[in-house]
Amino acid sequence: APGRSVSLRGWKTEHGSVSCSVRVDGTGDRMTGELSIAGAHGRVGGDIALRHPLCKPIRAVRINGRAYRHFDSARVFFKRFPKHTSFEVMFETN
């Protein structure tokens, strides 16, 4: 929900232990977060998808400060990413 955050720590996967924190701003128009995989070496493969908690369409994504194109209007797909990744997702405003 807007203005709220959620985090996940130590989720065991084949790539290592995943930790993730996500925060949606008070208007619900921007989501920021951190994703890290402990025990991973270099870049991590696999699909992780993020959606807006209220299903707002996505208009732009930045990963580690750079524009990112692996998304559609409903979700962002992390295809291959560094073991520690910062992200920002901008949504359509009402």
Protein backbone atom coordinates (compact mmCIF):
# COMPACT_ATOMS: atom_id res chain seq x y z
CA ALA A 1 0.00 0.00 0.00
CA PRO A 2 1.21 3.57 -0.59
CA GLY A 3 3.54 4.83 2.13
CA ARG A 4 4.30 1.30 3.33
CA SER A 5 7.26 -1.03 3.02
CA VAL A 6 7.84 -4.76 3.07
CA SER A 7 11.00 -6.80 3.46
CA LEU A 8 12.09 -10.38 3.10
CA ARG A 9 15.29 -11.68 4.67
CA GLY A 10 17.15 -14.93 4.19
CA TRP A 11 14.82 -16.63 1.68
CA LYS A 12 16.73 -19.74 0.54
CA THR A 13 17.04 -20.23 -3.24
CA GLU A 14 19.31 -22.13 -5.62
CA HIS A 15 21.30 -18.89 -6.12
CA GLY A 16 21.84 -18.20 -2.43
CA SER A 17 19.98 -16.46 0.37
CA VAL A 18 17.71 -13.65 -0.98
CA SER A 19 16.93 -10.48 0.94
CA CYS A 20 14.70 -7.77 -0.47
CA SER A 21 13.13 -4.57 0.81
CA VAL A 22 10.54 -2.55 -1.10
CA ARG A 23 8.94 0.79 -0.27
CA VAL A 24 6.07 2.48 -2.12
CA ASP A 25 5.93 6.28 -1.69
CA GLY A 26 2.91 8.02 -0.15
CA THR A 27 1.26 8.69 -3.52
CA GLY A 28 1.84 5.18 -4.84
CA ASP A 29 3.63 6.55 -7.91
CA ARG A 30 7.16 5.34 -7.09
CA MET A 31 8.58 2.11 -5.63
CA THR A 32 12.20 1.85 -4.47
CA GLY A 33 14.10 -1.01 -2.99
CA GLU A 34 17.13 -3.19 -2.57
CA LEU A 35 17.60 -6.78 -3.68
CA SER A 36 20.61 -8.83 -2.59
CA ILE A 37 21.66 -12.45 -2.84
CA ALA A 38 24.17 -13.70 -0.25
CA GLY A 39 26.48 -16.42 -1.45
CA ALA A 40 26.04 -15.55 -5.13
CA HIS A 41 29.07 -14.97 -7.34
CA GLY A 42 28.97 -12.17 -9.93
CA ARG A 43 25.65 -11.79 -11.69
CA VAL A 44 22.60 -13.86 -10.82
CA GLY A 45 20.29 -15.42 -13.40
CA GLY A 46 16.66 -16.33 -12.95
CA ASP A 47 13.40 -14.45 -13.02
CA ILE A 48 12.11 -12.28 -10.23
CA ALA A 49 9.04 -10.16 -10.99
CA LEU A 50 7.75 -7.11 -9.10
CA ARG A 51 4.28 -5.60 -9.43
CA HIS A 52 2.64 -2.50 -7.99
CA PRO A 53 0.58 -3.52 -4.93
CA LEU A 54 -2.48 -1.73 -6.34
CA CYS A 55 -1.85 -2.77 -9.99
CA LYS A 56 -0.85 0.68 -11.31
CA PRO A 57 0.77 0.56 -14.78
CA ILE A 58 4.58 0.86 -14.86
CA ARG A 59 6.01 3.72 -16.97
CA ALA A 60 9.79 3.59 -16.24
CA VAL A 61 12.37 1.54 -14.33
CA ARG A 62 15.92 2.27 -13.15
CA ILE A 63 18.31 -0.41 -11.89
CA ASN A 64 21.45 0.76 -10.06
CA GLY A 65 20.76 4.26 -11.44
CA ARG A 66 20.45 3.22 -15.10
CA ALA A 67 17.37 2.93 -17.31
CA TYR A 68 16.12 -0.67 -17.50
CA ARG A 69 13.90 -2.06 -20.25
CA HIS A 70 12.82 -5.51 -19.04
CA PHE A 71 9.32 -4.58 -17.94
CA ASP A 72 5.80 -4.35 -19.27
CA SER A 73 2.94 -2.25 -17.94
CA ALA A 74 2.17 -4.82 -15.21
CA ARG A 75 5.55 -6.04 -13.89
CA VAL A 76 9.32 -5.65 -13.82
CA PHE A 77 11.38 -8.73 -14.65
CA PHE A 78 14.83 -9.09 -13.08
CA LYS A 79 16.48 -11.38 -15.65
CA ARG A 80 20.17 -11.16 -14.74
CA PHE A 81 21.34 -8.79 -12.08
CA PRO A 82 24.30 -8.08 -9.79
CA LYS A 83 24.14 -9.83 -6.43
CA HIS A 84 23.27 -6.47 -4.86
CA THR A 85 20.83 -4.32 -6.83
CA SER A 86 19.07 -1.03 -6.11
CA PHE A 87 15.92 -0.35 -8.07
CA GLU A 88 13.39 2.41 -8.67
CA VAL A 89 10.09 1.82 -10.46
CA MET A 90 7.90 4.75 -11.57
CA PHE A 91 4.17 4.22 -12.09
CA GLU A 92 1.51 6.10 -14.02
CA THR A 93 -0.13 8.83 -11.99
CA ASN A 94 -3.90 8.94 -11.63
